Amino acid sequence: MTTAQTTTGTTTETSAGVLPAMAETPASQLRVAVLGVGLMGADHVARLHSRISGARVVAVSDAFAEKAEQVAGGVPGCRVIADPLAAIADGEIDAVVIATPGQFHEEQVVACIERGIPVLCEKPLTMDADSSLAVVRAEDQFAARAGRRLVQVGFMRRFDPEYAQLRALIASGEIGEPLVVHCAHRNPSVPPHFTSEMMLTDSVVHEVDVARFLLDEEIVAVTVLRPRPTRHAVDGGSDPLLVLFETTGGRMVDVECFVSTGIAYEVRTEVVAEDGIALIGLDTGLVRQSGGPAGAVRSSGITPSFKERFGRAYDIELQHWVDAARRGGIDGPGVWDGYAAAAVGEAGVLALRSGQRTEVRMAQR
């Protein structure tokens, strides 16, 4: 089973409104270290400093010292700790946000578990399924002793109001059993080093988590097809890709991943169910079609990047995490979700290379 997003928290904006705030003083604020202050990490520092209640960034760490100093300089009282493991071990740190490159995640996450402090780790949890499973087992051992979880994985779409609304609609049964999910994941461009394999492990990984979140089922097989590539594709790359997921319940999820559209950033998800259809990602809110007039509305505007499309989701995600971390735990996708994404991603890469349907190999929970 997948881990459902909960709705506890303080001053958290959700589709249901704003939740009550906890009493807050500087002494009661969560003292956060942010590891890695590139594009994503620097954005999290700014978010925690200016838009999230109950926390303050007291330390940053990055391989590029000049960048770390620049980011720390924008936050009063924030210091630079060059060694990320030293930041985790620092007694004045209550919780950690990890936004370092993926190859460092396993060591850093395990260090947080060993110290017993909450951590929000940007995806991927680790670089492969085996090491992700090792993190699962490490946290399982901690949870068996302490009775709580520490590691939240940064699948922010679960906190996006449209995705939350879509999940609630499915759970209500109003449109019947979901049968097929259609997804589109489009970027205007990607860096020259962005390979076809990375389209699966860095881009489609979000659709992996979305499918599990919406359907509450595991993905058991992956097929990847290569349409005619765009002339704008990275040299040697297959872009776009069509990806098909099969779930434990016999449902199917197809994903069009096109990362060199030259247009804008666009993410769409459509659920086709027995008694209705629901669609998000048109910049109009959820569009629902059922008996009677369709009433679908189209929008001509498309967000330029993921920061605009999912900015609110990141805000809600960070606030949920801070509120839960102040209680010693997490409130969102956990290590098993990170492991499942890694396992499906590995199957996807094999399917891309072989051109064959590939079954997902996952351990038992």
Protein backbone atom coordinates (compact mmCIF):
# COMPACT_ATOMS: atom_id res chain seq x y z
CA MET A 1 0.00 0.00 0.00
CA THR A 2 1.14 3.53 -0.63
CA THR A 3 1.57 6.21 2.01
CA ALA A 4 -1.30 8.70 1.97
CA GLN A 5 -0.82 12.39 2.53
CA THR A 6 -2.42 13.54 5.77
CA THR A 7 -3.81 16.96 6.51
CA THR A 8 -2.48 17.81 9.95
CA GLY A 9 -0.34 20.88 10.40
CA THR A 10 -0.13 24.53 11.31
CA THR A 11 -1.06 27.51 9.15
CA THR A 12 -1.13 25.11 6.21
CA GLU A 13 -3.12 26.20 3.18
CA THR A 14 -5.13 23.33 1.74
CA SER A 15 -8.24 22.95 -0.38
CA ALA A 16 -10.16 22.95 2.90
CA GLY A 17 -8.76 26.29 4.03
CA VAL A 18 -6.11 27.38 6.53
CA LEU A 19 -5.40 25.18 9.53
CA PRO A 20 -4.93 26.64 13.03
CA ALA A 21 -1.48 27.90 13.95
CA MET A 22 0.59 26.53 16.82
CA ALA A 23 2.00 28.95 19.37
CA GLU A 24 5.39 30.02 18.10
CA THR A 25 8.41 31.64 19.70
CA PRO A 26 12.02 31.73 18.44
CA ALA A 27 12.93 29.11 21.04
CA SER A 28 10.20 26.76 19.81
CA GLN A 29 11.04 27.09 16.13
CA LEU A 30 12.47 24.09 14.32
CA ARG A 31 16.16 24.69 13.59
CA VAL A 32 16.77 23.43 10.06
CA ALA A 33 19.95 22.70 8.10
CA VAL A 34 19.64 22.65 4.32
CA LEU A 35 22.20 20.46 2.57
CA GLY A 36 22.79 21.48 -1.03
CA VAL A 37 21.82 25.00 -2.04
CA GLY A 38 21.62 24.73 -5.79
CA LEU A 39 18.37 25.55 -7.59
CA MET A 40 16.13 23.39 -5.39
CA GLY A 41 17.96 23.84 -2.10
CA ALA A 42 18.23 27.62 -2.40
CA ASP A 43 14.52 27.73 -3.17
CA HIS A 44 13.80 25.73 -0.02
CA VAL A 45 15.95 28.10 2.05
CA ALA A 46 14.00 31.08 0.73
CA ARG A 47 10.71 29.30 1.31
CA LEU A 48 11.56 28.31 4.90
CA HIS A 49 12.80 31.83 5.61
CA SER A 50 9.91 33.79 4.15
CA ARG A 51 6.78 31.65 3.76
CA ILE A 52 6.85 28.79 6.27
CA SER A 53 5.97 29.20 9.94
CA GLY A 54 7.52 27.35 12.85
CA ALA A 55 11.02 26.94 11.41
CA ARG A 56 14.19 28.87 10.70
CA VAL A 57 17.21 27.95 8.61
CA VAL A 58 20.22 28.01 10.91
CA ALA A 59 22.78 26.29 8.67
CA VAL A 60 23.49 25.48 5.04
CA SER A 61 26.05 23.22 3.44
CA ASP A 62 27.20 22.95 -0.15
CA ALA A 63 30.22 21.70 -2.09
CA PHE A 64 30.53 25.22 -3.54
CA ALA A 65 31.56 27.37 -0.60
CA GLU A 66 30.86 30.66 -2.39
CA LYS A 67 27.30 29.60 -3.14
CA ALA A 68 26.75 28.48 0.45
CA GLU A 69 28.03 31.83 1.76
CA GLN A 70 25.78 33.71 -0.64
CA VAL A 71 22.65 31.82 0.42
CA ALA A 72 23.51 31.98 4.13
CA GLY A 73 24.09 35.73 3.82
CA GLY A 74 20.43 36.22 2.95
CA VAL A 75 19.19 34.59 6.17
CA PRO A 76 19.97 36.27 9.52
CA GLY A 77 21.71 33.91 11.93
CA CYS A 78 22.42 31.28 9.28
CA ARG A 79 25.91 29.79 9.23
CA VAL A 80 27.79 27.67 6.73
CA ILE A 81 28.90 24.17 7.74
CA ALA A 82 31.15 22.83 5.01
CA ASP A 83 30.76 19.13 5.83
CA PRO A 84 27.14 17.98 5.43
CA LEU A 85 27.63 15.11 7.89
CA ALA A 86 28.93 17.61 10.44
CA ALA A 87 25.78 19.66 9.89
CA ILE A 88 23.63 16.59 10.58
CA ALA A 89 25.61 15.83 13.75
CA ASP A 90 25.48 19.43 15.01
CA GLY A 91 23.61 19.68 18.31
CA GLU A 92 21.96 22.94 17.26
CA ILE A 93 20.21 21.27 14.30
CA ASP A 94 16.73 19.82 14.86
CA ALA A 95 15.90 18.70 11.32
CA VAL A 96 17.46 18.51 7.87
CA VAL A 97 16.42 19.21 4.28
CA ILE A 98 18.53 17.25 1.77
CA ALA A 99 18.83 18.76 -1.70
CA THR A 100 22.29 17.49 -2.56
CA PRO A 101 22.95 15.37 -5.67
CA GLY A 102 21.34 11.94 -5.45
CA GLN A 103 24.58 10.00 -5.00
CA PHE A 104 25.00 11.54 -1.53
CA HIS A 105 21.48 10.88 -0.27
CA GLU A 106 21.91 7.41 1.20
CA GLU A 107 24.77 8.37 3.52
CA GLN A 108 23.10 11.61 4.58
CA VAL A 109 19.66 10.11 5.17
CA VAL A 110 21.09 7.23 7.19
CA ALA A 111 23.08 9.74 9.27
CA CYS A 112 19.82 11.55 10.08
CA ILE A 113 18.17 8.27 11.06
CA GLU A 114 21.10 7.36 13.29
CA ARG A 115 20.86 10.74 15.00
CA GLY A 116 17.08 10.44 15.29
CA ILE A 117 16.14 13.73 13.59
CA PRO A 118 13.47 14.30 10.90
CA VAL A 119 14.64 14.78 7.32
CA LEU A 120 13.00 15.87 4.09
CA CYS A 121 14.95 14.29 1.23
CA GLU A 122 14.40 15.50 -2.29
CA LYS A 123 13.95 12.72 -4.83
CA PRO A 124 15.56 10.37 -5.50
CA LEU A 125 15.73 8.76 -2.07
CA THR A 126 18.88 7.05 -3.37
CA MET A 127 20.32 6.23 -6.78
CA ASP A 128 19.08 2.61 -7.00
CA ALA A 129 16.50 0.26 -5.56
CA ASP A 130 18.92 -1.78 -3.43
CA SER A 131 20.28 1.22 -1.57
CA SER A 132 16.76 2.65 -1.19
CA LEU A 133 15.67 -0.65 0.35
CA ALA A 134 18.63 -0.42 2.74
CA VAL A 135 17.31 2.98 3.88
CA VAL A 136 13.84 1.47 4.32
CA ARG A 137 15.27 -1.24 6.56
CA ALA A 138 17.32 1.29 8.55
CA GLU A 139 14.27 3.42 9.23
CA ASP A 140 12.17 0.32 10.00
CA GLN A 141 14.65 -0.56 12.74
CA PHE A 142 14.45 2.97 14.13
CA ALA A 143 10.64 2.97 13.99
CA ALA A 144 10.51 -0.36 15.82
CA ARG A 145 12.47 1.20 18.68
CA ALA A 146 11.05 4.72 18.70
CA GLY A 147 7.54 4.27 17.31
CA ARG A 148 7.87 7.04 14.73
CA ARG A 149 9.15 7.72 11.22
CA LEU A 150 11.83 10.24 10.31
CA VAL A 151 12.25 10.34 6.53
CA GLN A 152 9.92 12.18 4.16
CA VAL A 153 10.62 12.07 0.42
CA GLY A 154 10.03 15.16 -1.72
CA PHE A 155 7.23 14.04 -4.01
CA MET A 156 5.58 17.45 -3.86
CA ARG A 157 2.72 16.69 -6.25
CA ARG A 158 0.87 14.94 -3.42
CA PHE A 159 0.51 18.38 -1.83
CA ASP A 160 -0.69 20.13 -4.98
CA PRO A 161 -4.34 21.16 -4.44
CA GLU A 162 -5.41 19.77 -7.83
CA TYR A 163 -3.86 16.36 -7.16
CA ALA A 164 -5.32 16.32 -3.65
CA GLN A 165 -8.73 17.12 -5.11
CA LEU A 166 -8.38 14.41 -7.74
CA ARG A 167 -7.41 11.80 -5.15
CA ALA A 168 -10.37 12.79 -2.96
CA LEU A 169 -12.72 12.50 -5.95
CA ILE A 170 -11.46 8.98 -6.71
CA ALA A 171 -11.73 7.96 -3.05
CA SER A 172 -15.31 9.27 -2.88
CA GLY A 173 -16.44 6.78 -5.52
CA GLU A 174 -18.40 9.48 -7.38
CA ILE A 175 -16.81 8.62 -10.73
CA GLY A 176 -16.65 4.89 -10.07
CA GLU A 177 -13.61 2.68 -10.30
CA PRO A 178 -10.64 4.22 -12.15
CA LEU A 179 -9.70 2.20 -15.22
CA VAL A 180 -7.03 4.18 -17.08
CA VAL A 181 -4.87 7.17 -16.20
CA HIS A 182 -3.39 9.37 -18.95
CA CYS A 183 -0.43 11.57 -18.07
CA ALA A 184 1.64 14.15 -19.93
CA HIS A 185 4.94 15.48 -18.61
CA ARG A 186 6.45 18.18 -20.84
CA ASN A 187 9.44 20.48 -20.42
CA PRO A 188 10.53 23.32 -22.71
CA SER A 189 14.13 22.06 -22.67
CA VAL A 190 16.68 20.08 -20.69
CA PRO A 191 20.46 20.33 -20.23
CA PRO A 192 22.75 18.63 -22.79
CA HIS A 193 23.61 15.84 -20.34
CA PHE A 194 19.94 14.84 -19.90
CA THR A 195 19.67 11.30 -21.32
CA SER A 196 16.68 9.17 -22.25
CA GLU A 197 17.28 7.14 -19.09
CA MET A 198 17.06 10.35 -17.06
CA MET A 199 13.68 11.06 -18.64
CA LEU A 200 12.50 8.00 -16.70
CA THR A 201 14.45 8.40 -13.48
CA ASP A 202 14.23 12.21 -13.14
CA SER A 203 10.97 13.13 -14.90
CA VAL A 204 8.62 10.13 -15.12
CA VAL A 205 9.49 9.27 -11.52
CA HIS A 206 6.89 11.87 -10.54
CA GLU A 207 4.24 10.05 -12.55
CA VAL A 208 5.28 6.84 -10.81
CA ASP A 209 4.46 8.43 -7.47
CA VAL A 210 1.31 10.09 -8.82
CA ALA A 211 -0.02 6.74 -10.07
CA ARG A 212 0.62 5.09 -6.71
CA PHE A 213 -0.85 8.08 -4.84
CA LEU A 214 -4.04 8.29 -6.89
CA LEU A 215 -4.73 4.56 -7.28
CA ASP A 216 -3.27 3.31 -3.99
CA GLU A 217 -1.70 0.38 -5.83
CA GLU A 218 1.80 -0.71 -6.71
CA ILE A 219 3.13 -0.72 -10.27
CA VAL A 220 4.05 -4.23 -11.38
CA ALA A 221 5.26 -3.81 -14.98
CA VAL A 222 6.62 -1.13 -17.32
CA THR A 223 6.71 -0.83 -21.11
CA VAL A 224 8.53 1.99 -22.89
CA LEU A 225 8.00 2.93 -26.54
CA ARG A 226 10.16 5.28 -28.62
CA PRO A 227 8.17 7.43 -31.09
CA ARG A 228 9.96 9.37 -33.79
CA PRO A 229 12.24 11.79 -31.90
CA THR A 230 11.95 15.54 -32.17
CA ARG A 231 14.75 17.35 -33.97
CA HIS A 232 15.22 19.28 -30.71
CA ALA A 233 16.14 16.16 -28.73
CA VAL A 234 19.44 15.99 -26.89
CA ASP A 235 21.99 14.29 -29.17
CA GLY A 236 21.34 10.56 -29.23
CA GLY A 237 18.20 10.84 -27.13
CA SER A 238 14.73 9.44 -27.68
CA ASP A 239 12.34 12.30 -27.02
CA PRO A 240 9.41 11.94 -26.55
CA LEU A 241 8.88 8.60 -24.82
CA LEU A 242 5.62 6.76 -24.21
CA VAL A 243 5.59 4.82 -20.95
CA LEU A 244 2.94 2.31 -19.85
CA PHE A 245 2.53 1.19 -16.24
CA GLU A 246 0.45 -1.80 -15.14
CA THR A 247 -0.77 -1.91 -11.54
CA THR A 248 -1.61 -4.68 -9.11
CA GLY A 249 -5.33 -4.02 -9.68
CA GLY A 250 -5.14 -4.36 -13.46
CA ARG A 251 -5.32 -0.64 -14.14
CA MET A 252 -3.08 1.02 -16.70
CA VAL A 253 -1.29 4.37 -16.64
CA ASP A 254 0.23 5.85 -19.78
CA VAL A 255 2.73 8.70 -19.73
CA GLU A 256 3.84 10.90 -22.59
CA CYS A 257 7.20 12.32 -21.53
CA PHE A 258 8.42 15.07 -23.85
CA VAL A 259 11.24 17.18 -22.42
CA SER A 260 12.21 19.30 -25.42
CA THR A 261 8.92 20.86 -26.50
CA GLY A 262 10.38 24.36 -26.78
CA ILE A 263 7.12 25.73 -25.37
CA ALA A 264 6.68 25.62 -21.58
CA TYR A 265 6.30 23.34 -18.58
CA GLU A 266 3.12 21.28 -18.70
CA VAL A 267 1.90 18.45 -16.49
CA ARG A 268 -1.51 16.89 -17.08
CA THR A 269 -3.26 13.93 -15.46
CA GLU A 270 -6.58 12.49 -16.61
CA VAL A 271 -8.41 9.69 -14.81
CA VAL A 272 -10.86 7.67 -16.90
CA ALA A 273 -13.27 5.87 -14.58
CA GLU A 274 -16.42 3.77 -14.90
CA ASP A 275 -18.81 6.66 -14.31
CA GLY A 276 -16.86 9.76 -15.24
CA ILE A 277 -13.62 11.42 -16.26
CA ALA A 278 -11.52 13.92 -14.31
CA LEU A 279 -8.63 16.00 -15.63
CA ILE A 280 -6.11 18.34 -14.01
CA GLY A 281 -3.24 20.41 -15.36
CA LEU A 282 -5.04 22.81 -17.70
CA ASP A 283 -4.40 25.85 -15.48
CA THR A 284 -8.14 25.92 -14.83
CA GLY A 285 -8.45 23.62 -11.82
CA LEU A 286 -9.96 20.16 -11.99
CA VAL A 287 -12.18 19.52 -15.05
CA ARG A 288 -14.77 16.80 -14.57
CA GLN A 289 -16.90 15.15 -17.25
CA SER A 290 -19.84 12.89 -16.52
CA GLY A 291 -23.48 12.55 -17.53
CA GLY A 292 -24.93 15.78 -18.93
CA PRO A 293 -23.10 18.75 -20.48
CA ALA A 294 -19.35 18.34 -20.44
CA GLY A 295 -18.64 21.92 -19.52
CA ALA A 296 -14.89 21.56 -20.06
CA VAL A 297 -12.99 24.83 -20.06
CA ARG A 298 -9.63 25.30 -21.78
CA SER A 299 -6.91 27.77 -20.85
CA SER A 300 -4.38 29.34 -23.18
CA GLY A 301 -1.80 29.94 -20.44
CA ILE A 302 0.92 27.40 -19.56
CA THR A 303 3.36 27.81 -16.71
CA PRO A 304 6.98 28.43 -17.78
CA SER A 305 8.62 26.03 -15.29
CA PHE A 306 8.00 23.60 -12.43
CA LYS A 307 8.57 26.37 -9.88
CA GLU A 308 5.47 28.23 -11.03
CA ARG A 309 3.31 25.13 -11.61
CA PHE A 310 4.09 23.55 -8.25
CA GLY A 311 5.12 26.54 -6.14
CA ARG A 312 2.05 26.27 -3.94
CA ALA A 313 2.58 22.52 -3.60
CA TYR A 314 6.13 23.12 -2.35
CA ASP A 315 4.81 25.64 0.18
CA ILE A 316 2.23 23.19 1.51
CA GLU A 317 4.74 20.32 1.50
CA LEU A 318 7.32 22.28 3.52
CA GLN A 319 4.73 23.51 6.00
CA HIS A 320 3.41 19.98 6.54
CA TRP A 321 6.94 18.72 7.02
CA VAL A 322 7.86 21.45 9.51
CA ASP A 323 4.69 20.91 11.52
CA ALA A 324 5.28 17.16 11.67
CA ALA A 325 9.01 17.51 12.36
CA ARG A 326 8.25 19.70 15.38
CA ARG A 327 6.35 16.69 16.69
CA GLY A 328 9.27 14.41 15.81
CA GLY A 329 7.84 12.69 12.74
CA ILE A 330 6.78 13.17 9.12
CA ASP A 331 3.56 13.95 7.23
CA GLY A 332 3.85 12.78 3.64
CA PRO A 333 5.47 10.19 1.38
CA GLY A 334 8.08 8.10 3.13
CA VAL A 335 10.96 5.75 2.45
CA TRP A 336 8.79 3.01 0.96
CA ASP A 337 7.49 5.48 -1.61
CA GLY A 338 11.08 6.42 -2.43
CA TYR A 339 12.01 2.75 -2.75
CA ALA A 340 9.00 1.97 -4.96
CA ALA A 341 9.89 4.85 -7.27
CA ALA A 342 13.47 3.58 -7.56
CA ALA A 343 12.32 0.02 -8.31
CA VAL A 344 9.89 1.16 -11.02
CA GLY A 345 12.54 3.48 -12.44
CA GLU A 346 15.01 0.62 -12.76
CA ALA A 347 12.39 -1.49 -14.53
CA GLY A 348 11.68 1.45 -16.82
CA VAL A 349 15.33 1.82 -17.81
CA LEU A 350 15.50 -1.92 -18.59
CA ALA A 351 12.31 -1.62 -20.64
CA LEU A 352 13.74 1.36 -22.53
CA ARG A 353 16.88 -0.55 -23.42
CA SER A 354 15.20 -3.85 -24.32
CA GLY A 355 12.00 -2.58 -25.92
CA GLN A 356 10.17 -5.25 -23.92
CA ARG A 357 7.57 -5.25 -21.17
CA THR A 358 9.55 -5.45 -17.91
CA GLU A 359 8.23 -6.57 -14.55
CA VAL A 360 9.06 -4.53 -11.45
CA ARG A 361 11.07 -6.38 -8.84
CA MET A 362 10.14 -5.22 -5.35
CA ALA A 363 10.79 -6.64 -1.90
CA GLN A 364 7.99 -7.40 0.54
CA ARG A 365 7.11 -4.65 3.00
